[in-house]
Amino acid sequence: MAALGKPLTARVDSALVEAMAFEIAAAVLSGASTNASLPIANLVDSALAILVDRQRYDLKQSKMAIAQRMGLRPEHRDPSFIPSLHPNAEMQAARAAMTG
């Protein structure tokens, strides 16, 4: 996939984690409080800088890969998963008991 300019999923995940760490550090260094929020656009821009500028992946392919990794997943709608957009404490407790 890298030969086509599309970053591997692991590279995208790594870039997103590094971008988040960078954005948090930048906010803290600029005096942000502990309840500060980070714009998602900043996270995406930093991840793109890592993938495109540093690692030389294709810009369009990198944008699509980031959007895919940050997109809504089926488990986000499942009330038994943590986190869930529709949480159900009883279902979550049952799932936790089964897994562990």
PDB file of N, CA and C in Angstrom:
ATOM      1  N   MET A   1       0.813  -1.202   0.000  1.00  0.00           N
ATOM      2  CA  MET A   1       0.000   0.000   0.000  1.00  0.00           C
ATOM      3  C   MET A   1       0.854   1.263   0.000  1.00  0.00           C
ATOM      4  N   ALA A   2       1.968   1.236   0.692  1.00  0.00           N
ATOM      5  CA  ALA A   2       2.815   2.419   0.748  1.00  0.00           C
ATOM      6  C   ALA A   2       3.303   2.811  -0.635  1.00  0.00           C
ATOM      7  N   ALA A   3       3.509   1.816  -1.524  1.00  0.00           N
ATOM      8  CA  ALA A   3       3.977   2.109  -2.872  1.00  0.00           C
ATOM      9  C   ALA A   3       2.934   2.921  -3.646  1.00  0.00           C
ATOM     10  N   LEU A   4       1.686   2.812  -3.282  1.00  0.00           N
ATOM     11  CA  LEU A   4       0.616   3.559  -3.927  1.00  0.00           C
ATOM     12  C   LEU A   4       0.377   4.907  -3.266  1.00  0.00           C
ATOM     13  N   GLY A   5       1.109   5.155  -2.219  1.00  0.00           N
ATOM     14  CA  GLY A   5       0.943   6.417  -1.515  1.00  0.00           C
ATOM     15  C   GLY A   5      -0.070   6.363  -0.393  1.00  0.00           C
ATOM     16  N   LYS A   6      -0.654   5.172  -0.165  1.00  0.00           N
ATOM     17  CA  LYS A   6      -1.644   5.035   0.906  1.00  0.00           C
ATOM     18  C   LYS A   6      -0.954   4.495   2.153  1.00  0.00           C
ATOM     19  N   PRO A   7      -1.049   5.212   3.279  1.00  0.00           N
ATOM     20  CA  PRO A   7      -0.409   4.729   4.503  1.00  0.00           C
ATOM     21  C   PRO A   7      -1.128   3.515   5.069  1.00  0.00           C
ATOM     22  N   LEU A   8      -0.351   2.611   5.630  1.00  0.00           N
ATOM     23  CA  LEU A   8      -0.918   1.453   6.310  1.00  0.00           C
ATOM     24  C   LEU A   8      -1.682   1.916   7.548  1.00  0.00           C
ATOM     25  N   THR A   9      -2.654   1.129   7.951  1.00  0.00           N
ATOM     26  CA  THR A   9      -3.483   1.458   9.110  1.00  0.00           C
ATOM     27  C   THR A   9      -2.628   1.725  10.348  1.00  0.00           C
ATOM     28  N   ALA A  10      -1.611   0.911  10.562  1.00  0.00           N
ATOM     29  CA  ALA A  10      -0.745   1.100  11.731  1.00  0.00           C
ATOM     30  C   ALA A  10      -0.040   2.444  11.680  1.00  0.00           C
ATOM     31  N   ARG A  11       0.344   2.887  10.488  1.00  0.00           N
ATOM     32  CA  ARG A  11       0.999   4.204  10.348  1.00  0.00           C
ATOM     33  C   ARG A  11       0.013   5.334  10.648  1.00  0.00           C
ATOM     34  N   VAL A  12      -1.216   5.170  10.207  1.00  0.00           N
ATOM     35  CA  VAL A  12      -2.248   6.185  10.474  1.00  0.00           C
ATOM     36  C   VAL A  12      -2.523   6.259  11.972  1.00  0.00           C
ATOM     37  N   ASP A  13      -2.691   5.105  12.599  1.00  0.00           N
ATOM     38  CA  ASP A  13      -2.939   5.073  14.037  1.00  0.00           C
ATOM     39  C   ASP A  13      -1.784   5.725  14.805  1.00  0.00           C
ATOM     40  N   SER A  14      -0.574   5.398  14.413  1.00  0.00           N
ATOM     41  CA  SER A  14       0.602   5.976  15.064  1.00  0.00           C
ATOM     42  C   SER A  14       0.648   7.486  14.875  1.00  0.00           C
ATOM     43  N   ALA A  15       0.338   7.941  13.669  1.00  0.00           N
ATOM     44  CA  ALA A  15       0.339   9.384  13.395  1.00  0.00           C
ATOM     45  C   ALA A  15      -0.735  10.092  14.220  1.00  0.00           C
ATOM     46  N   LEU A  16      -1.897   9.480  14.368  1.00  0.00           N
ATOM     47  CA  LEU A  16      -2.965  10.092  15.167  1.00  0.00           C
ATOM     48  C   LEU A  16      -2.581  10.179  16.641  1.00  0.00           C
ATOM     49  N   VAL A  17      -1.952   9.133  17.157  1.00  0.00           N
ATOM     50  CA  VAL A  17      -1.526   9.154  18.563  1.00  0.00           C
ATOM     51  C   VAL A  17      -0.443  10.215  18.765  1.00  0.00           C
ATOM     52  N   GLU A  18       0.536  10.254  17.852  1.00  0.00           N
ATOM     53  CA  GLU A  18       1.588  11.262  17.982  1.00  0.00           C
ATOM     54  C   GLU A  18       1.020  12.667  17.847  1.00  0.00           C
ATOM     55  N   ALA A  19       0.091  12.854  16.918  1.00  0.00           N
ATOM     56  CA  ALA A  19      -0.525  14.162  16.725  1.00  0.00           C
ATOM     57  C   ALA A  19      -1.272  14.604  17.980  1.00  0.00           C
ATOM     58  N   MET A  20      -1.973  13.664  18.621  1.00  0.00           N
ATOM     59  CA  MET A  20      -2.683  14.014  19.854  1.00  0.00           C
ATOM     60  C   MET A  20      -1.704  14.415  20.954  1.00  0.00           C
ATOM     61  N   ALA A  21      -0.628  13.645  21.091  1.00  0.00           N
ATOM     62  CA  ALA A  21       0.378  13.978  22.101  1.00  0.00           C
ATOM     63  C   ALA A  21       0.992  15.350  21.815  1.00  0.00           C
ATOM     64  N   PHE A  22       1.263  15.614  20.558  1.00  0.00           N
ATOM     65  CA  PHE A  22       1.830  16.908  20.177  1.00  0.00           C
ATOM     66  C   PHE A  22       0.870  18.048  20.495  1.00  0.00           C
ATOM     67  N   GLU A  23      -0.379  17.887  20.121  1.00  0.00           N
ATOM     68  CA  GLU A  23      -1.365  18.954  20.352  1.00  0.00           C
ATOM     69  C   GLU A  23      -1.595  19.193  21.842  1.00  0.00           C
ATOM     70  N   ILE A  24      -1.614  18.139  22.631  1.00  0.00           N
ATOM     71  CA  ILE A  24      -1.755  18.302  24.083  1.00  0.00           C
ATOM     72  C   ILE A  24      -0.550  19.032  24.648  1.00  0.00           C
ATOM     73  N   ALA A  25       0.659  18.616  24.244  1.00  0.00           N
ATOM     74  CA  ALA A  25       1.876  19.273  24.729  1.00  0.00           C
ATOM     75  C   ALA A  25       1.898  20.740  24.331  1.00  0.00           C
ATOM     76  N   ALA A  26       1.519  21.037  23.100  1.00  0.00           N
ATOM     77  CA  ALA A  26       1.503  22.427  22.637  1.00  0.00           C
ATOM     78  C   ALA A  26       0.512  23.255  23.450  1.00  0.00           C
ATOM     79  N   ALA A  27      -0.652  22.670  23.748  1.00  0.00           N
ATOM     80  CA  ALA A  27      -1.661  23.387  24.534  1.00  0.00           C
ATOM     81  C   ALA A  27      -1.169  23.635  25.956  1.00  0.00           C
ATOM     82  N   VAL A  28      -0.564  22.625  26.549  1.00  0.00           N
ATOM     83  CA  VAL A  28      -0.055  22.762  27.924  1.00  0.00           C
ATOM     84  C   VAL A  28       1.055  23.806  27.970  1.00  0.00           C
ATOM     85  N   LEU A  29       1.964  23.767  27.015  1.00  0.00           N
ATOM     86  CA  LEU A  29       3.062  24.736  26.982  1.00  0.00           C
ATOM     87  C   LEU A  29       2.575  26.162  26.764  1.00  0.00           C
ATOM     88  N   SER A  30       1.425  26.296  26.107  1.00  0.00           N
ATOM     89  CA  SER A  30       0.889  27.638  25.895  1.00  0.00           C
ATOM     90  C   SER A  30      -0.004  28.086  27.046  1.00  0.00           C
ATOM     91  N   GLY A  31      -0.083  27.261  28.111  1.00  0.00           N
ATOM     92  CA  GLY A  31      -0.810  27.658  29.308  1.00  0.00           C
ATOM     93  C   GLY A  31      -2.248  27.196  29.382  1.00  0.00           C
ATOM     94  N   ALA A  32      -2.615  26.228  28.587  1.00  0.00           N
ATOM     95  CA  ALA A  32      -3.995  25.722  28.610  1.00  0.00           C
ATOM     96  C   ALA A  32      -4.312  25.107  29.971  1.00  0.00           C
ATOM     97  N   SER A  33      -5.548  25.238  30.377  1.00  0.00           N
ATOM     98  CA  SER A  33      -5.971  24.634  31.642  1.00  0.00           C
ATOM     99  C   SER A  33      -6.273  23.153  31.422  1.00  0.00           C
ATOM    100  N   THR A  34      -6.471  22.452  32.520  1.00  0.00           N
ATOM    101  CA  THR A  34      -6.701  21.007  32.425  1.00  0.00           C
ATOM    102  C   THR A  34      -8.035  20.662  31.782  1.00  0.00           C
ATOM    103  N   ASN A  35      -8.944  21.603  31.702  1.00  0.00           N
ATOM    104  CA  ASN A  35     -10.232  21.320  31.056  1.00  0.00           C
ATOM    105  C   ASN A  35     -10.293  21.890  29.634  1.00  0.00           C
ATOM    106  N   ALA A  36      -9.141  22.190  29.048  1.00  0.00           N
ATOM    107  CA  ALA A  36      -9.095  22.723  27.695  1.00  0.00           C
ATOM    108  C   ALA A  36      -9.506  21.648  26.689  1.00  0.00           C
ATOM    109  N   SER A  37     -10.013  22.088  25.562  1.00  0.00           N
ATOM    110  CA  SER A  37     -10.353  21.153  24.492  1.00  0.00           C
ATOM    111  C   SER A  37      -9.453  21.436  23.284  1.00  0.00           C
ATOM    112  N   LEU A  38      -9.281  20.412  22.481  1.00  0.00           N
ATOM    113  CA  LEU A  38      -8.458  20.535  21.284  1.00  0.00           C
ATOM    114  C   LEU A  38      -9.341  20.409  20.055  1.00  0.00           C
ATOM    115  N   PRO A  39      -9.230  21.332  19.114  1.00  0.00           N
ATOM    116  CA  PRO A  39     -10.009  21.193  17.878  1.00  0.00           C
ATOM    117  C   PRO A  39      -9.566  19.953  17.093  1.00  0.00           C
ATOM    118  N   ILE A  40     -10.510  19.203  16.614  1.00  0.00           N
ATOM    119  CA  ILE A  40     -10.191  18.008  15.837  1.00  0.00           C
ATOM    120  C   ILE A  40      -9.408  18.392  14.585  1.00  0.00           C
ATOM    121  N   ALA A  41      -9.679  19.558  14.028  1.00  0.00           N
ATOM    122  CA  ALA A  41      -8.940  20.006  12.841  1.00  0.00           C
ATOM    123  C   ALA A  41      -7.440  20.091  13.125  1.00  0.00           C
ATOM    124  N   ASN A  42      -7.066  20.517  14.331  1.00  0.00           N
ATOM    125  CA  ASN A  42      -5.647  20.570  14.694  1.00  0.00           C
ATOM    126  C   ASN A  42      -5.043  19.165  14.724  1.00  0.00           C
ATOM    127  N   LEU A  43      -5.777  18.223  15.274  1.00  0.00           N
ATOM    128  CA  LEU A  43      -5.316  16.841  15.339  1.00  0.00           C
ATOM    129  C   LEU A  43      -5.113  16.283  13.927  1.00  0.00           C
ATOM    130  N   VAL A  44      -6.081  16.509  13.054  1.00  0.00           N
ATOM    131  CA  VAL A  44      -5.984  16.024  11.676  1.00  0.00           C
ATOM    132  C   VAL A  44      -4.816  16.691  10.952  1.00  0.00           C
ATOM    133  N   ASP A  45      -4.673  18.007  11.110  1.00  0.00           N
ATOM    134  CA  ASP A  45      -3.564  18.714  10.460  1.00  0.00           C
ATOM    135  C   ASP A  45      -2.211  18.181  10.913  1.00  0.00           C
ATOM    136  N   SER A  46      -2.060  17.924  12.197  1.00  0.00           N
ATOM    137  CA  SER A  46      -0.795  17.395  12.709  1.00  0.00           C
ATOM    138  C   SER A  46      -0.545  15.980  12.197  1.00  0.00           C
ATOM    139  N   ALA A  47      -1.588  15.152  12.166  1.00  0.00           N
ATOM    140  CA  ALA A  47      -1.435  13.789  11.651  1.00  0.00           C
ATOM    141  C   ALA A  47      -1.074  13.808  10.174  1.00  0.00           C
ATOM    142  N   LEU A  48      -1.673  14.731   9.415  1.00  0.00           N
ATOM    143  CA  LEU A  48      -1.329  14.864   8.001  1.00  0.00           C
ATOM    144  C   LEU A  48       0.115  15.313   7.823  1.00  0.00           C
ATOM    145  N   ALA A  49       0.581  16.223   8.670  1.00  0.00           N
ATOM    146  CA  ALA A  49       1.980  16.660   8.589  1.00  0.00           C
ATOM    147  C   ALA A  49       2.915  15.478   8.806  1.00  0.00           C
ATOM    148  N   ILE A  50       2.555  14.610   9.743  1.00  0.00           N
ATOM    149  CA  ILE A  50       3.389  13.432  10.021  1.00  0.00           C
ATOM    150  C   ILE A  50       3.383  12.488   8.821  1.00  0.00           C
ATOM    151  N   LEU A  51       2.201  12.189   8.306  1.00  0.00           N
ATOM    152  CA  LEU A  51       2.097  11.228   7.211  1.00  0.00           C
ATOM    153  C   LEU A  51       2.619  11.764   5.878  1.00  0.00           C
ATOM    154  N   VAL A  52       2.293  13.002   5.566  1.00  0.00           N
ATOM    155  CA  VAL A  52       2.616  13.550   4.246  1.00  0.00           C
ATOM    156  C   VAL A  52       3.997  14.206   4.228  1.00  0.00           C
ATOM    157  N   ASP A  53       4.242  15.117   5.146  1.00  0.00           N
ATOM    158  CA  ASP A  53       5.500  15.870   5.120  1.00  0.00           C
ATOM    159  C   ASP A  53       6.688  15.038   5.597  1.00  0.00           C
ATOM    160  N   ARG A  54       6.488  14.292   6.666  1.00  0.00           N
ATOM    161  CA  ARG A  54       7.603  13.520   7.215  1.00  0.00           C
ATOM    162  C   ARG A  54       7.755  12.161   6.540  1.00  0.00           C
ATOM    163  N   GLN A  55       6.634  11.424   6.416  1.00  0.00           N
ATOM    164  CA  GLN A  55       6.721  10.053   5.919  1.00  0.00           C
ATOM    165  C   GLN A  55       6.482   9.936   4.413  1.00  0.00           C
ATOM    166  N   ARG A  56       6.099  11.030   3.779  1.00  0.00           N
ATOM    167  CA  ARG A  56       5.970  11.133   2.321  1.00  0.00           C
ATOM    168  C   ARG A  56       4.837  10.312   1.707  1.00  0.00           C
ATOM    169  N   TYR A  57       3.754  10.127   2.463  1.00  0.00           N
ATOM    170  CA  TYR A  57       2.582   9.489   1.886  1.00  0.00           C
ATOM    171  C   TYR A  57       1.794  10.510   1.090  1.00  0.00           C
ATOM    172  N   ASP A  58       0.940  10.034   0.198  1.00  0.00           N
ATOM    173  CA  ASP A  58       0.105  10.882  -0.641  1.00  0.00           C
ATOM    174  C   ASP A  58      -0.926  11.633   0.211  1.00  0.00           C
ATOM    175  N   LEU A  59      -1.105  12.919  -0.059  1.00  0.00           N
ATOM    176  CA  LEU A  59      -2.020  13.761   0.728  1.00  0.00           C
ATOM    177  C   LEU A  59      -3.458  13.251   0.656  1.00  0.00           C
ATOM    178  N   LYS A  60      -3.958  13.022  -0.541  1.00  0.00           N
ATOM    179  CA  LYS A  60      -5.350  12.578  -0.694  1.00  0.00           C
ATOM    180  C   LYS A  60      -5.567  11.225  -0.022  1.00  0.00           C
ATOM    181  N   GLN A  61      -4.647  10.294  -0.231  1.00  0.00           N
ATOM    182  CA  GLN A  61      -4.762   8.972   0.381  1.00  0.00           C
ATOM    183  C   GLN A  61      -4.679   9.066   1.906  1.00  0.00           C
ATOM    184  N   SER A  62      -3.830   9.950   2.402  1.00  0.00           N
ATOM    185  CA  SER A  62      -3.681  10.129   3.846  1.00  0.00           C
ATOM    186  C   SER A  62      -4.953  10.709   4.459  1.00  0.00           C
ATOM    187  N   LYS A  63      -5.560  11.688   3.787  1.00  0.00           N
ATOM    188  CA  LYS A  63      -6.813  12.259   4.280  1.00  0.00           C
ATOM    189  C   LYS A  63      -7.905  11.192   4.362  1.00  0.00           C
ATOM    190  N   MET A  64      -7.991  10.362   3.327  1.00  0.00           N
ATOM    191  CA  MET A  64      -9.009   9.306   3.329  1.00  0.00           C
ATOM    192  C   MET A  64      -8.730   8.281   4.424  1.00  0.00           C
ATOM    193  N   ALA A  65      -7.472   7.948   4.623  1.00  0.00           N
ATOM    194  CA  ALA A  65      -7.114   6.964   5.647  1.00  0.00           C
ATOM    195  C   ALA A  65      -7.419   7.494   7.047  1.00  0.00           C
ATOM    196  N   ILE A  66      -7.136   8.766   7.291  1.00  0.00           N
ATOM    197  CA  ILE A  66      -7.445   9.373   8.589  1.00  0.00           C
ATOM    198  C   ILE A  66      -8.954   9.401   8.811  1.00  0.00           C
ATOM    199  N   ALA A  67      -9.703   9.804   7.795  1.00  0.00           N
ATOM    200  CA  ALA A  67     -11.163   9.856   7.912  1.00  0.00           C
ATOM    201  C   ALA A  67     -11.731   8.473   8.217  1.00  0.00           C
ATOM    202  N   GLN A  68     -11.174   7.450   7.588  1.00  0.00           N
ATOM    203  CA  GLN A  68     -11.640   6.088   7.840  1.00  0.00           C
ATOM    204  C   GLN A  68     -11.359   5.673   9.284  1.00  0.00           C
ATOM    205  N   ARG A  69     -10.161   5.962   9.793  1.00  0.00           N
ATOM    206  CA  ARG A  69      -9.795   5.562  11.158  1.00  0.00           C
ATOM    207  C   ARG A  69     -10.583   6.347  12.202  1.00  0.00           C
ATOM    208  N   MET A  70     -10.942   7.586  11.897  1.00  0.00           N
ATOM    209  CA  MET A  70     -11.664   8.413  12.864  1.00  0.00           C
ATOM    210  C   MET A  70     -13.182   8.283  12.714  1.00  0.00           C
ATOM    211  N   GLY A  71     -13.617   7.520  11.731  1.00  0.00           N
ATOM    212  CA  GLY A  71     -15.038   7.390  11.454  1.00  0.00           C
ATOM    213  C   GLY A  71     -15.784   6.564  12.488  1.00  0.00           C
ATOM    214  N   LEU A  72     -17.081   6.681  12.454  1.00  0.00           N
ATOM    215  CA  LEU A  72     -17.962   5.935  13.352  1.00  0.00           C
ATOM    216  C   LEU A  72     -17.832   4.448  13.060  1.00  0.00           C
ATOM    217  N   ARG A  73     -17.709   3.666  14.099  1.00  0.00           N
ATOM    218  CA  ARG A  73     -17.578   2.207  13.985  1.00  0.00           C
ATOM    219  C   ARG A  73     -18.842   1.555  14.533  1.00  0.00           C
ATOM    220  N   PRO A  74     -19.152   0.353  14.069  1.00  0.00           N
ATOM    221  CA  PRO A  74     -20.384  -0.315  14.529  1.00  0.00           C
ATOM    222  C   PRO A  74     -20.471  -0.428  16.051  1.00  0.00           C
ATOM    223  N   GLU A  75     -19.342  -0.694  16.708  1.00  0.00           N
ATOM    224  CA  GLU A  75     -19.392  -0.847  18.162  1.00  0.00           C
ATOM    225  C   GLU A  75     -19.744   0.457  18.885  1.00  0.00           C
ATOM    226  N   HIS A  76     -19.573   1.585  18.231  1.00  0.00           N
ATOM    227  CA  HIS A  76     -19.928   2.866  18.856  1.00  0.00           C
ATOM    228  C   HIS A  76     -21.440   2.980  19.071  1.00  0.00           C
ATOM    229  N   ARG A  77     -22.203   2.243  18.278  1.00  0.00           N
ATOM    230  CA  ARG A  77     -23.669   2.274  18.403  1.00  0.00           C
ATOM    231  C   ARG A  77     -24.192   1.166  19.310  1.00  0.00           C
ATOM    232  N   ASP A  78     -23.321   0.213  19.664  1.00  0.00           N
ATOM    233  CA  ASP A  78     -23.721  -0.927  20.493  1.00  0.00           C
ATOM    234  C   ASP A  78     -23.818  -0.472  21.949  1.00  0.00           C
ATOM    235  N   PRO A  79     -25.006  -0.560  22.554  1.00  0.00           N
ATOM    236  CA  PRO A  79     -25.178  -0.080  23.926  1.00  0.00           C
ATOM    237  C   PRO A  79     -24.355  -0.845  24.965  1.00  0.00           C
ATOM    238  N   SER A  80     -23.855  -2.038  24.601  1.00  0.00           N
ATOM    239  CA  SER A  80     -23.083  -2.809  25.568  1.00  0.00           C
ATOM    240  C   SER A  80     -21.593  -2.478  25.535  1.00  0.00           C
ATOM    241  N   PHE A  81     -21.159  -1.766  24.512  1.00  0.00           N
ATOM    242  CA  PHE A  81     -19.743  -1.415  24.411  1.00  0.00           C
ATOM    243  C   PHE A  81     -19.420  -0.178  25.238  1.00  0.00           C
ATOM    244  N   ILE A  82     -18.157  -0.059  25.625  1.00  0.00           N
ATOM    245  CA  ILE A  82     -17.656   1.131  26.313  1.00  0.00           C
ATOM    246  C   ILE A  82     -16.510   1.661  25.471  1.00  0.00           C
ATOM    247  N   PRO A  83     -16.546   2.868  24.956  1.00  0.00           N
ATOM    248  CA  PRO A  83     -17.657   3.815  25.030  1.00  0.00           C
ATOM    249  C   PRO A  83     -18.725   3.504  23.983  1.00  0.00           C
ATOM    250  N   SER A  84     -19.917   4.001  24.224  1.00  0.00           N
ATOM    251  CA  SER A  84     -21.041   3.827  23.314  1.00  0.00           C
ATOM    252  C   SER A  84     -21.786   5.147  23.201  1.00  0.00           C
ATOM    253  N   LEU A  85     -22.313   5.389  22.018  1.00  0.00           N
ATOM    254  CA  LEU A  85     -23.149   6.578  21.829  1.00  0.00           C
ATOM    255  C   LEU A  85     -24.511   6.405  22.493  1.00  0.00           C
ATOM    256  N   HIS A  86     -24.863   5.158  22.768  1.00  0.00           N
ATOM    257  CA  HIS A  86     -26.154   4.830  23.393  1.00  0.00           C
ATOM    258  C   HIS A  86     -25.904   3.862  24.548  1.00  0.00           C
ATOM    259  N   PRO A  87     -25.205   4.306  25.598  1.00  0.00           N
ATOM    260  CA  PRO A  87     -24.805   3.377  26.661  1.00  0.00           C
ATOM    261  C   PRO A  87     -25.988   2.828  27.456  1.00  0.00           C
ATOM    262  N   ASN A  88     -25.822   1.579  27.843  1.00  0.00           N
ATOM    263  CA  ASN A  88     -26.785   0.926  28.718  1.00  0.00           C
ATOM    264  C   ASN A  88     -25.954   0.262  29.808  1.00  0.00           C
ATOM    265  N   ALA A  89     -26.027   0.784  31.013  1.00  0.00           N
ATOM    266  CA  ALA A  89     -25.175   0.319  32.110  1.00  0.00           C
ATOM    267  C   ALA A  89     -25.339  -1.168  32.378  1.00  0.00           C
ATOM    268  N   GLU A  90     -26.547  -1.667  32.303  1.00  0.00           N
ATOM    269  CA  GLU A  90     -26.787  -3.087  32.574  1.00  0.00           C
ATOM    270  C   GLU A  90     -26.117  -3.958  31.502  1.00  0.00           C
ATOM    271  N   MET A  91     -26.257  -3.555  30.236  1.00  0.00           N
ATOM    272  CA  MET A  91     -25.636  -4.313  29.153  1.00  0.00           C
ATOM    273  C   MET A  91     -24.113  -4.218  29.215  1.00  0.00           C
ATOM    274  N   GLN A  92     -23.609  -3.058  29.603  1.00  0.00           N
ATOM    275  CA  GLN A  92     -22.161  -2.896  29.723  1.00  0.00           C
ATOM    276  C   GLN A  92     -21.598  -3.763  30.857  1.00  0.00           C
ATOM    277  N   ALA A  93     -22.325  -3.827  31.961  1.00  0.00           N
ATOM    278  CA  ALA A  93     -21.889  -4.671  33.078  1.00  0.00           C
ATOM    279  C   ALA A  93     -21.893  -6.135  32.675  1.00  0.00           C
ATOM    280  N   ALA A  94     -22.906  -6.567  31.926  1.00  0.00           N
ATOM    281  CA  ALA A  94     -22.976  -7.947  31.466  1.00  0.00           C
ATOM    282  C   ALA A  94     -21.813  -8.267  30.533  1.00  0.00           C
ATOM    283  N   ARG A  95     -21.482  -7.348  29.641  1.00  0.00           N
ATOM    284  CA  ARG A  95     -20.353  -7.551  28.722  1.00  0.00           C
ATOM    285  C   ARG A  95     -19.052  -7.627  29.515  1.00  0.00           C
ATOM    286  N   ALA A  96     -18.891  -6.755  30.492  1.00  0.00           N
ATOM    287  CA  ALA A  96     -17.673  -6.761  31.317  1.00  0.00           C
ATOM    288  C   ALA A  96     -17.546  -8.075  32.068  1.00  0.00           C
ATOM    289  N   ALA A  97     -18.642  -8.599  32.554  1.00  0.00           N
ATOM    290  CA  ALA A  97     -18.611  -9.863  33.293  1.00  0.00           C
ATOM    291  C   ALA A  97     -18.215 -11.019  32.382  1.00  0.00           C
ATOM    292  N   MET A  98     -18.623 -10.967  31.109  1.00  0.00           N
ATOM    293  CA  MET A  98     -18.287 -12.036  30.153  1.00  0.00           C
ATOM    294  C   MET A  98     -16.821 -11.982  29.741  1.00  0.00           C
ATOM    295  N   THR A  99     -16.269 -10.787  29.660  1.00  0.00           N
ATOM    296  CA  THR A  99     -14.900 -10.638  29.159  1.00  0.00           C
ATOM    297  C   THR A  99     -13.870 -10.621  30.267  1.00  0.00           C
ATOM    298  N   GLY A 100     -14.337 -10.544  31.457  1.00  0.00           N
ATOM    299  CA  GLY A 100     -13.441 -10.524  32.413  1.00  0.00           C
ATOM    300  C   GLY A 100     -12.881 -10.421  33.598  1.00  0.00           C
TER     301      GLY A 100
END
